[in-house]
């Protein structure tokens, strides 16, 4: 089933996994206005769909996303600055809705990337909970190369992922780096052969979709909010989440599976 708004992002649900496929392969899946809207619609749709228990974001063709559509930006240079600035603010505000939806979603999000992962493509990958990269993937934040500052939450995600000095290097220099470097810096979870990217990403998403949905949602929220919490606040949040998970039927199934030495079969609504 495809996105209702347009086909720049394809939407399909299989086995409780929502597939969001960036679908502008001839343009290296560069982000344009239609894709901004389609990402917002499909990410919200995946979160609202009770059949969906995990989300997998991929790119059609040989690239994940080569950043924003620079042709559109060049066209906007015809506008006077007083018109261009509010237009850019509105556009980036629309982009950011997807990032917030993915980070706040009560469902695990996996990104599977290959080829170009640049600009907002890098930000989108960092917004996912887990990321797999093909060994042909290459990364760059690149905004500084065209005299822009980053968007998509990159300045929030990068310091938390790679540390302050490394984040400054990636953002201020705009250099390109490969998948092995991304793995070493903790930006991706695994690097695999190109042919194995989608099968391994699908297996990972399927594993998450078969997991205890409420417990995984609590876990994702706890980790995402931990940087803004004191230890006492985090302990209190863990206490409440643990107790809430403990009265969910999944807990009883998990215990039964452990003692019966079999795989758990968690409820799928």
C-alpha atoms as a PDB file:
ATOM      1  CA  UNK A   1       0.000   0.000   0.000  1.00  0.00           C
ATOM      2  CA  UNK A   2       1.583   3.297  -1.064  1.00  0.00           C
ATOM      3  CA  UNK A   3       1.492   6.718   0.543  1.00  0.00           C
ATOM      4  CA  UNK A   4      -1.793   8.499  -0.084  1.00  0.00           C
ATOM      5  CA  UNK A   5      -0.174  11.913  -0.699  1.00  0.00           C
ATOM      6  CA  UNK A   6       2.475  11.083  -3.334  1.00  0.00           C
ATOM      7  CA  UNK A   7       4.937   8.385  -4.296  1.00  0.00           C
ATOM      8  CA  UNK A   8       8.187  10.017  -3.175  1.00  0.00           C
ATOM      9  CA  UNK A   9       7.959   7.798  -0.084  1.00  0.00           C
ATOM     10  CA  UNK A  10       6.397   4.363  -0.501  1.00  0.00           C
ATOM     11  CA  UNK A  11       4.510   2.928   2.456  1.00  0.00           C
ATOM     12  CA  UNK A  12       3.848  -0.760   2.975  1.00  0.00           C
ATOM     13  CA  UNK A  13       3.126  -2.956   6.002  1.00  0.00           C
ATOM     14  CA  UNK A  14       4.347  -6.556   6.005  1.00  0.00           C
ATOM     15  CA  UNK A  15       4.373  -8.814   9.034  1.00  0.00           C
ATOM     16  CA  UNK A  16       3.807  -5.888  11.413  1.00  0.00           C
ATOM     17  CA  UNK A  17       6.714  -3.888   9.966  1.00  0.00           C
ATOM     18  CA  UNK A  18       6.042  -0.568   8.229  1.00  0.00           C
ATOM     19  CA  UNK A  19       8.382  -0.055   5.279  1.00  0.00           C
ATOM     20  CA  UNK A  20       9.096   3.595   4.427  1.00  0.00           C
ATOM     21  CA  UNK A  21      11.038   3.655   1.159  1.00  0.00           C
ATOM     22  CA  UNK A  22      12.486   6.930  -0.096  1.00  0.00           C
ATOM     23  CA  UNK A  23      11.543   6.849  -3.756  1.00  0.00           C
ATOM     24  CA  UNK A  24      13.408   9.393  -5.886  1.00  0.00           C
ATOM     25  CA  UNK A  25      16.219   7.102  -7.051  1.00  0.00           C
ATOM     26  CA  UNK A  26      17.046   9.138 -10.172  1.00  0.00           C
ATOM     27  CA  UNK A  27      17.790  12.090  -7.862  1.00  0.00           C
ATOM     28  CA  UNK A  28      19.651   9.950  -5.281  1.00  0.00           C
ATOM     29  CA  UNK A  29      16.515  10.299  -3.137  1.00  0.00           C
ATOM     30  CA  UNK A  30      17.238  13.980  -2.555  1.00  0.00           C
ATOM     31  CA  UNK A  31      14.701  15.609  -0.263  1.00  0.00           C
ATOM     32  CA  UNK A  32      12.186  17.833  -2.062  1.00  0.00           C
ATOM     33  CA  UNK A  33       8.895  19.372  -0.940  1.00  0.00           C
ATOM     34  CA  UNK A  34       6.850  16.321  -1.931  1.00  0.00           C
ATOM     35  CA  UNK A  35       9.134  14.002   0.006  1.00  0.00           C
ATOM     36  CA  UNK A  36       9.014  16.269   3.061  1.00  0.00           C
ATOM     37  CA  UNK A  37       5.233  15.943   3.104  1.00  0.00           C
ATOM     38  CA  UNK A  38       5.316  12.214   2.331  1.00  0.00           C
ATOM     39  CA  UNK A  39       7.761  11.529   5.178  1.00  0.00           C
ATOM     40  CA  UNK A  40       5.561  13.445   7.582  1.00  0.00           C
ATOM     41  CA  UNK A  41       2.462  11.541   6.474  1.00  0.00           C
ATOM     42  CA  UNK A  42       4.011   8.071   6.423  1.00  0.00           C
ATOM     43  CA  UNK A  43       5.888   8.379   9.724  1.00  0.00           C
ATOM     44  CA  UNK A  44       2.687   9.528  11.427  1.00  0.00           C
ATOM     45  CA  UNK A  45       0.754   6.745   9.732  1.00  0.00           C
ATOM     46  CA  UNK A  46       3.188   4.098  10.978  1.00  0.00           C
ATOM     47  CA  UNK A  47       2.934   5.392  14.536  1.00  0.00           C
ATOM     48  CA  UNK A  48      -0.877   5.468  14.462  1.00  0.00           C
ATOM     49  CA  UNK A  49      -1.318   2.040  12.833  1.00  0.00           C
ATOM     50  CA  UNK A  50      -1.988  -0.593  15.523  1.00  0.00           C
ATOM     51  CA  UNK A  51      -0.783  -3.313  13.144  1.00  0.00           C
ATOM     52  CA  UNK A  52       2.693  -1.758  13.022  1.00  0.00           C
ATOM     53  CA  UNK A  53       5.186  -2.829  15.681  1.00  0.00           C
ATOM     54  CA  UNK A  54       8.433  -1.676  14.015  1.00  0.00           C
ATOM     55  CA  UNK A  55       9.460   0.724  11.239  1.00  0.00           C
ATOM     56  CA  UNK A  56      12.120   0.198   8.554  1.00  0.00           C
ATOM     57  CA  UNK A  57      13.367   3.165   6.510  1.00  0.00           C
ATOM     58  CA  UNK A  58      15.241   2.451   3.271  1.00  0.00           C
ATOM     59  CA  UNK A  59      16.064   4.143  -0.010  1.00  0.00           C
ATOM     60  CA  UNK A  60      15.086   2.960  -3.481  1.00  0.00           C
ATOM     61  CA  UNK A  61      17.979   2.415  -5.848  1.00  0.00           C
ATOM     62  CA  UNK A  62      21.642   2.605  -4.931  1.00  0.00           C
ATOM     63  CA  UNK A  63      21.503   5.474  -2.410  1.00  0.00           C
ATOM     64  CA  UNK A  64      19.758   6.302   0.846  1.00  0.00           C
ATOM     65  CA  UNK A  65      19.562  10.090   0.538  1.00  0.00           C
ATOM     66  CA  UNK A  66      21.949  12.650  -0.905  1.00  0.00           C
ATOM     67  CA  UNK A  67      20.576  15.505   1.223  1.00  0.00           C
ATOM     68  CA  UNK A  68      18.245  18.275   0.156  1.00  0.00           C
ATOM     69  CA  UNK A  69      17.267  19.107  -3.423  1.00  0.00           C
ATOM     70  CA  UNK A  70      19.772  21.874  -4.224  1.00  0.00           C
ATOM     71  CA  UNK A  71      17.972  22.740  -7.467  1.00  0.00           C
ATOM     72  CA  UNK A  72      14.966  23.876  -5.416  1.00  0.00           C
ATOM     73  CA  UNK A  73      17.177  25.918  -3.129  1.00  0.00           C
ATOM     74  CA  UNK A  74      18.844  27.600  -6.090  1.00  0.00           C
ATOM     75  CA  UNK A  75      15.433  28.552  -7.468  1.00  0.00           C
ATOM     76  CA  UNK A  76      14.628  30.294  -4.203  1.00  0.00           C
ATOM     77  CA  UNK A  77      17.570  32.657  -4.650  1.00  0.00           C
ATOM     78  CA  UNK A  78      15.262  34.667  -6.933  1.00  0.00           C
ATOM     79  CA  UNK A  79      13.280  35.632  -3.842  1.00  0.00           C
ATOM     80  CA  UNK A  80      14.311  38.643  -1.751  1.00  0.00           C
ATOM     81  CA  UNK A  81      15.841  37.752   1.646  1.00  0.00           C
ATOM     82  CA  UNK A  82      12.747  38.951   3.516  1.00  0.00           C
ATOM     83  CA  UNK A  83      10.664  36.357   1.636  1.00  0.00           C
ATOM     84  CA  UNK A  84      13.281  33.623   1.519  1.00  0.00           C
ATOM     85  CA  UNK A  85      13.991  33.455   5.244  1.00  0.00           C
ATOM     86  CA  UNK A  86      10.406  32.710   6.409  1.00  0.00           C
ATOM     87  CA  UNK A  87      10.019  30.212   3.536  1.00  0.00           C
ATOM     88  CA  UNK A  88      13.106  28.332   4.698  1.00  0.00           C
ATOM     89  CA  UNK A  89      11.903  28.405   8.304  1.00  0.00           C
ATOM     90  CA  UNK A  90       8.530  26.907   7.323  1.00  0.00           C
ATOM     91  CA  UNK A  91      10.157  24.267   5.121  1.00  0.00           C
ATOM     92  CA  UNK A  92      12.632  23.129   7.767  1.00  0.00           C
ATOM     93  CA  UNK A  93       9.837  23.155  10.349  1.00  0.00           C
ATOM     94  CA  UNK A  94       7.965  20.675   8.156  1.00  0.00           C
ATOM     95  CA  UNK A  95      11.105  18.531   7.855  1.00  0.00           C
ATOM     96  CA  UNK A  96      11.485  18.481  11.620  1.00  0.00           C
ATOM     97  CA  UNK A  97       8.018  17.049  12.183  1.00  0.00           C
ATOM     98  CA  UNK A  98       9.250  13.711  10.807  1.00  0.00           C
ATOM     99  CA  UNK A  99      12.299  13.691  13.085  1.00  0.00           C
ATOM    100  CA  UNK A 100      10.142  14.345  16.136  1.00  0.00           C
ATOM    101  CA  UNK A 101       7.645  11.662  15.120  1.00  0.00           C
ATOM    102  CA  UNK A 102      10.364   9.052  14.689  1.00  0.00           C
ATOM    103  CA  UNK A 103      12.118   9.903  17.937  1.00  0.00           C
ATOM    104  CA  UNK A 104       8.880   9.977  19.930  1.00  0.00           C
ATOM    105  CA  UNK A 105       7.301   6.937  18.292  1.00  0.00           C
ATOM    106  CA  UNK A 106       6.523   4.110  20.684  1.00  0.00           C
ATOM    107  CA  UNK A 107       7.877   1.677  18.084  1.00  0.00           C
ATOM    108  CA  UNK A 108      11.481   0.819  17.209  1.00  0.00           C
ATOM    109  CA  UNK A 109      12.783   2.467  14.032  1.00  0.00           C
ATOM    110  CA  UNK A 110      15.509   0.877  11.896  1.00  0.00           C
ATOM    111  CA  UNK A 111      17.363   2.650   9.079  1.00  0.00           C
ATOM    112  CA  UNK A 112      19.061   0.628   6.323  1.00  0.00           C
ATOM    113  CA  UNK A 113      21.438   2.842   4.343  1.00  0.00           C
ATOM    114  CA  UNK A 114      23.674   2.453   1.318  1.00  0.00           C
ATOM    115  CA  UNK A 115      25.442   4.759  -1.113  1.00  0.00           C
ATOM    116  CA  UNK A 116      25.061   8.452  -0.320  1.00  0.00           C
ATOM    117  CA  UNK A 117      23.990   9.330   3.226  1.00  0.00           C
ATOM    118  CA  UNK A 118      24.357  13.090   3.200  1.00  0.00           C
ATOM    119  CA  UNK A 119      22.796  16.164   4.745  1.00  0.00           C
ATOM    120  CA  UNK A 120      19.302  15.384   5.971  1.00  0.00           C
ATOM    121  CA  UNK A 121      19.905  11.766   4.959  1.00  0.00           C
ATOM    122  CA  UNK A 122      22.460  11.563   7.763  1.00  0.00           C
ATOM    123  CA  UNK A 123      20.079  13.328  10.148  1.00  0.00           C
ATOM    124  CA  UNK A 124      17.291  10.908   9.224  1.00  0.00           C
ATOM    125  CA  UNK A 125      19.542   7.903   9.851  1.00  0.00           C
ATOM    126  CA  UNK A 126      20.542   9.335  13.244  1.00  0.00           C
ATOM    127  CA  UNK A 127      16.856   9.792  14.118  1.00  0.00           C
ATOM    128  CA  UNK A 128      16.366   6.024  13.819  1.00  0.00           C
ATOM    129  CA  UNK A 129      16.915   3.824  16.866  1.00  0.00           C
ATOM    130  CA  UNK A 130      19.134   1.345  15.019  1.00  0.00           C
ATOM    131  CA  UNK A 131      21.054   1.691  11.753  1.00  0.00           C
ATOM    132  CA  UNK A 132      22.572  -0.835   9.365  1.00  0.00           C
ATOM    133  CA  UNK A 133      24.949   0.348   6.639  1.00  0.00           C
ATOM    134  CA  UNK A 134      26.052  -1.369   3.470  1.00  0.00           C
ATOM    135  CA  UNK A 135      29.786  -1.427   2.950  1.00  0.00           C
ATOM    136  CA  UNK A 136      29.384   0.971   0.013  1.00  0.00           C
ATOM    137  CA  UNK A 137      27.773   3.676   2.158  1.00  0.00           C
ATOM    138  CA  UNK A 138      29.491   7.039   2.483  1.00  0.00           C
ATOM    139  CA  UNK A 139      28.531   9.838   4.829  1.00  0.00           C
ATOM    140  CA  UNK A 140      28.855  13.603   5.023  1.00  0.00           C
ATOM    141  CA  UNK A 141      26.933  16.311   6.808  1.00  0.00           C
ATOM    142  CA  UNK A 142      28.001  18.726   4.053  1.00  0.00           C
ATOM    143  CA  UNK A 143      25.949  21.776   5.102  1.00  0.00           C
ATOM    144  CA  UNK A 144      29.058  23.891   5.666  1.00  0.00           C
ATOM    145  CA  UNK A 145      30.090  23.276   2.054  1.00  0.00           C
ATOM    146  CA  UNK A 146      27.141  25.369   0.857  1.00  0.00           C
ATOM    147  CA  UNK A 147      27.235  27.836   3.779  1.00  0.00           C
ATOM    148  CA  UNK A 148      24.295  26.391   5.710  1.00  0.00           C
ATOM    149  CA  UNK A 149      23.991  25.149   9.283  1.00  0.00           C
ATOM    150  CA  UNK A 150      22.649  21.607   9.865  1.00  0.00           C
ATOM    151  CA  UNK A 151      19.026  20.640  10.319  1.00  0.00           C
ATOM    152  CA  UNK A 152      17.062  17.469  11.045  1.00  0.00           C
ATOM    153  CA  UNK A 153      18.350  17.264  14.606  1.00  0.00           C
ATOM    154  CA  UNK A 154      21.939  16.549  13.544  1.00  0.00           C
ATOM    155  CA  UNK A 155      23.344  19.008  16.092  1.00  0.00           C
ATOM    156  CA  UNK A 156      21.351  17.174  18.792  1.00  0.00           C
ATOM    157  CA  UNK A 157      22.090  13.623  17.684  1.00  0.00           C
ATOM    158  CA  UNK A 158      25.750  13.911  16.739  1.00  0.00           C
ATOM    159  CA  UNK A 159      27.194  15.068  20.094  1.00  0.00           C
ATOM    160  CA  UNK A 160      25.190  12.363  21.857  1.00  0.00           C
ATOM    161  CA  UNK A 161      26.411   9.735  19.402  1.00  0.00           C
ATOM    162  CA  UNK A 162      30.047  10.584  18.674  1.00  0.00           C
ATOM    163  CA  UNK A 163      30.995  13.133  21.362  1.00  0.00           C
ATOM    164  CA  UNK A 164      31.484  16.887  21.152  1.00  0.00           C
ATOM    165  CA  UNK A 165      34.853  17.078  19.386  1.00  0.00           C
ATOM    166  CA  UNK A 166      33.937  14.523  16.744  1.00  0.00           C
ATOM    167  CA  UNK A 167      30.565  16.206  16.181  1.00  0.00           C
ATOM    168  CA  UNK A 168      32.347  19.524  15.642  1.00  0.00           C
ATOM    169  CA  UNK A 169      34.690  17.862  13.137  1.00  0.00           C
ATOM    170  CA  UNK A 170      31.841  16.283  11.173  1.00  0.00           C
ATOM    171  CA  UNK A 171      29.761  19.473  11.150  1.00  0.00           C
ATOM    172  CA  UNK A 172      32.435  22.156  10.719  1.00  0.00           C
ATOM    173  CA  UNK A 173      34.607  20.400   8.121  1.00  0.00           C
ATOM    174  CA  UNK A 174      31.949  18.549   6.118  1.00  0.00           C
ATOM    175  CA  UNK A 175      34.373  15.789   5.169  1.00  0.00           C
ATOM    176  CA  UNK A 176      33.194  12.503   3.704  1.00  0.00           C
ATOM    177  CA  UNK A 177      33.758   9.245   5.599  1.00  0.00           C
ATOM    178  CA  UNK A 178      32.967   5.608   4.939  1.00  0.00           C
ATOM    179  CA  UNK A 179      30.847   2.956   6.616  1.00  0.00           C
ATOM    180  CA  UNK A 180      33.688   1.498   8.662  1.00  0.00           C
ATOM    181  CA  UNK A 181      34.423   4.921  10.107  1.00  0.00           C
ATOM    182  CA  UNK A 182      30.728   5.418  10.879  1.00  0.00           C
ATOM    183  CA  UNK A 183      30.746   2.075  12.695  1.00  0.00           C
ATOM    184  CA  UNK A 184      33.872   2.962  14.664  1.00  0.00           C
ATOM    185  CA  UNK A 185      32.286   6.259  15.722  1.00  0.00           C
ATOM    186  CA  UNK A 186      29.083   4.530  16.827  1.00  0.00           C
ATOM    187  CA  UNK A 187      26.834   6.073  14.177  1.00  0.00           C
ATOM    188  CA  UNK A 188      25.694   2.703  12.799  1.00  0.00           C
ATOM    189  CA  UNK A 189      25.213  -0.654  14.507  1.00  0.00           C
ATOM    190  CA  UNK A 190      26.492  -2.939  11.751  1.00  0.00           C
ATOM    191  CA  UNK A 191      28.195  -2.807   8.364  1.00  0.00           C
ATOM    192  CA  UNK A 192      27.182  -5.520   5.910  1.00  0.00           C
ATOM    193  CA  UNK A 193      27.668  -6.387   2.248  1.00  0.00           C
ATOM    194  CA  UNK A 194      25.326  -4.537  -0.116  1.00  0.00           C
ATOM    195  CA  UNK A 195      23.485  -7.746  -0.995  1.00  0.00           C
ATOM    196  CA  UNK A 196      22.875  -8.447   2.689  1.00  0.00           C
ATOM    197  CA  UNK A 197      21.635  -4.991   3.685  1.00  0.00           C
ATOM    198  CA  UNK A 198      17.912  -5.431   3.104  1.00  0.00           C
ATOM    199  CA  UNK A 199      17.696  -9.065   4.286  1.00  0.00           C
ATOM    200  CA  UNK A 200      19.530  -8.253   7.510  1.00  0.00           C
ATOM    201  CA  UNK A 201      17.535  -5.063   8.070  1.00  0.00           C
ATOM    202  CA  UNK A 202      14.284  -6.953   7.505  1.00  0.00           C
ATOM    203  CA  UNK A 203      15.371  -9.668   9.938  1.00  0.00           C
ATOM    204  CA  UNK A 204      16.216  -7.051  12.552  1.00  0.00           C
ATOM    205  CA  UNK A 205      12.899  -5.232  12.074  1.00  0.00           C
ATOM    206  CA  UNK A 206      11.035  -8.546  12.246  1.00  0.00           C
ATOM    207  CA  UNK A 207      12.807  -9.408  15.488  1.00  0.00           C
ATOM    208  CA  UNK A 208      11.794  -6.079  16.988  1.00  0.00           C
ATOM    209  CA  UNK A 209       8.216  -6.459  15.711  1.00  0.00           C
ATOM    210  CA  UNK A 210       7.999  -9.834  17.455  1.00  0.00           C
ATOM    211  CA  UNK A 211       9.247  -8.392  20.729  1.00  0.00           C
ATOM    212  CA  UNK A 212       7.271  -7.132  23.752  1.00  0.00           C
ATOM    213  CA  UNK A 213       5.829  -3.927  22.288  1.00  0.00           C
ATOM    214  CA  UNK A 214       5.062  -2.084  25.527  1.00  0.00           C
ATOM    215  CA  UNK A 215       8.406  -2.923  27.141  1.00  0.00           C
ATOM    216  CA  UNK A 216      10.309  -1.829  24.031  1.00  0.00           C
ATOM    217  CA  UNK A 217       8.346   1.438  23.907  1.00  0.00           C
ATOM    218  CA  UNK A 218       9.183   2.114  27.560  1.00  0.00           C
ATOM    219  CA  UNK A 219      12.836   1.312  26.923  1.00  0.00           C
ATOM    220  CA  UNK A 220      13.068   3.618  23.904  1.00  0.00           C
ATOM    221  CA  UNK A 221      11.447   6.468  25.828  1.00  0.00           C
ATOM    222  CA  UNK A 222      13.704   5.985  28.853  1.00  0.00           C
ATOM    223  CA  UNK A 223      16.867   6.123  26.762  1.00  0.00           C
ATOM    224  CA  UNK A 224      15.687   9.100  24.701  1.00  0.00           C
ATOM    225  CA  UNK A 225      14.806  11.173  27.779  1.00  0.00           C
ATOM    226  CA  UNK A 226      17.798  10.164  29.902  1.00  0.00           C
ATOM    227  CA  UNK A 227      20.051  13.036  28.815  1.00  0.00           C
ATOM    228  CA  UNK A 228      17.654  15.611  30.250  1.00  0.00           C
ATOM    229  CA  UNK A 229      16.987  13.800  33.524  1.00  0.00           C
ATOM    230  CA  UNK A 230      18.821  13.726  36.807  1.00  0.00           C
ATOM    231  CA  UNK A 231      19.736  10.311  38.166  1.00  0.00           C
ATOM    232  CA  UNK A 232      16.878  10.537  40.676  1.00  0.00           C
ATOM    233  CA  UNK A 233      14.405  11.447  37.920  1.00  0.00           C
ATOM    234  CA  UNK A 234      15.641   8.636  35.693  1.00  0.00           C
ATOM    235  CA  UNK A 235      15.399   6.110  38.512  1.00  0.00           C
ATOM    236  CA  UNK A 236      11.822   7.221  39.147  1.00  0.00           C
ATOM    237  CA  UNK A 237      10.977   6.858  35.442  1.00  0.00           C
ATOM    238  CA  UNK A 238      12.524   3.389  35.397  1.00  0.00           C
ATOM    239  CA  UNK A 239      10.540   2.449  38.485  1.00  0.00           C
ATOM    240  CA  UNK A 240       7.239   3.464  36.917  1.00  0.00           C
ATOM    241  CA  UNK A 241       8.030   1.844  33.556  1.00  0.00           C
ATOM    242  CA  UNK A 242       9.153  -1.407  35.186  1.00  0.00           C
ATOM    243  CA  UNK A 243       5.945  -1.623  37.217  1.00  0.00           C
ATOM    244  CA  UNK A 244       3.786  -0.821  34.170  1.00  0.00           C
ATOM    245  CA  UNK A 245       5.556  -3.492  32.117  1.00  0.00           C
ATOM    246  CA  UNK A 246       5.147  -5.980  34.957  1.00  0.00           C
ATOM    247  CA  UNK A 247       1.357  -5.931  34.725  1.00  0.00           C
ATOM    248  CA  UNK A 248       1.343  -6.397  30.944  1.00  0.00           C
ATOM    249  CA  UNK A 249       0.518  -9.940  29.737  1.00  0.00           C
ATOM    250  CA  UNK A 250       3.825  -9.979  27.850  1.00  0.00           C
ATOM    251  CA  UNK A 251       5.634 -10.266  31.184  1.00  0.00           C
ATOM    252  CA  UNK A 252       3.808 -13.461  32.107  1.00  0.00           C
ATOM    253  CA  UNK A 253       4.562 -14.885  28.659  1.00  0.00           C
ATOM    254  CA  UNK A 254       8.233 -13.940  28.961  1.00  0.00           C
ATOM    255  CA  UNK A 255       8.509 -15.729  32.293  1.00  0.00           C
ATOM    256  CA  UNK A 256       6.654 -18.782  31.009  1.00  0.00           C
ATOM    257  CA  UNK A 257       8.938 -18.996  27.980  1.00  0.00           C
ATOM    258  CA  UNK A 258      12.028 -18.735  30.178  1.00  0.00           C
ATOM    259  CA  UNK A 259      11.021 -21.500  32.529  1.00  0.00           C
ATOM    260  CA  UNK A 260       9.704 -23.705  29.714  1.00  0.00           C
ATOM    261  CA  UNK A 261      12.917 -23.148  27.746  1.00  0.00           C
ATOM    262  CA  UNK A 262      11.154 -22.001  24.571  1.00  0.00           C
ATOM    263  CA  UNK A 263      10.998 -18.772  22.531  1.00  0.00           C
ATOM    264  CA  UNK A 264       8.538 -16.220  23.864  1.00  0.00           C
ATOM    265  CA  UNK A 265       5.399 -15.567  21.810  1.00  0.00           C
ATOM    266  CA  UNK A 266       4.425 -12.027  22.698  1.00  0.00           C
ATOM    267  CA  UNK A 267       0.917 -10.797  21.958  1.00  0.00           C
ATOM    268  CA  UNK A 268       0.267  -9.049  18.658  1.00  0.00           C
ATOM    269  CA  UNK A 269      -2.790  -6.821  18.841  1.00  0.00           C
END
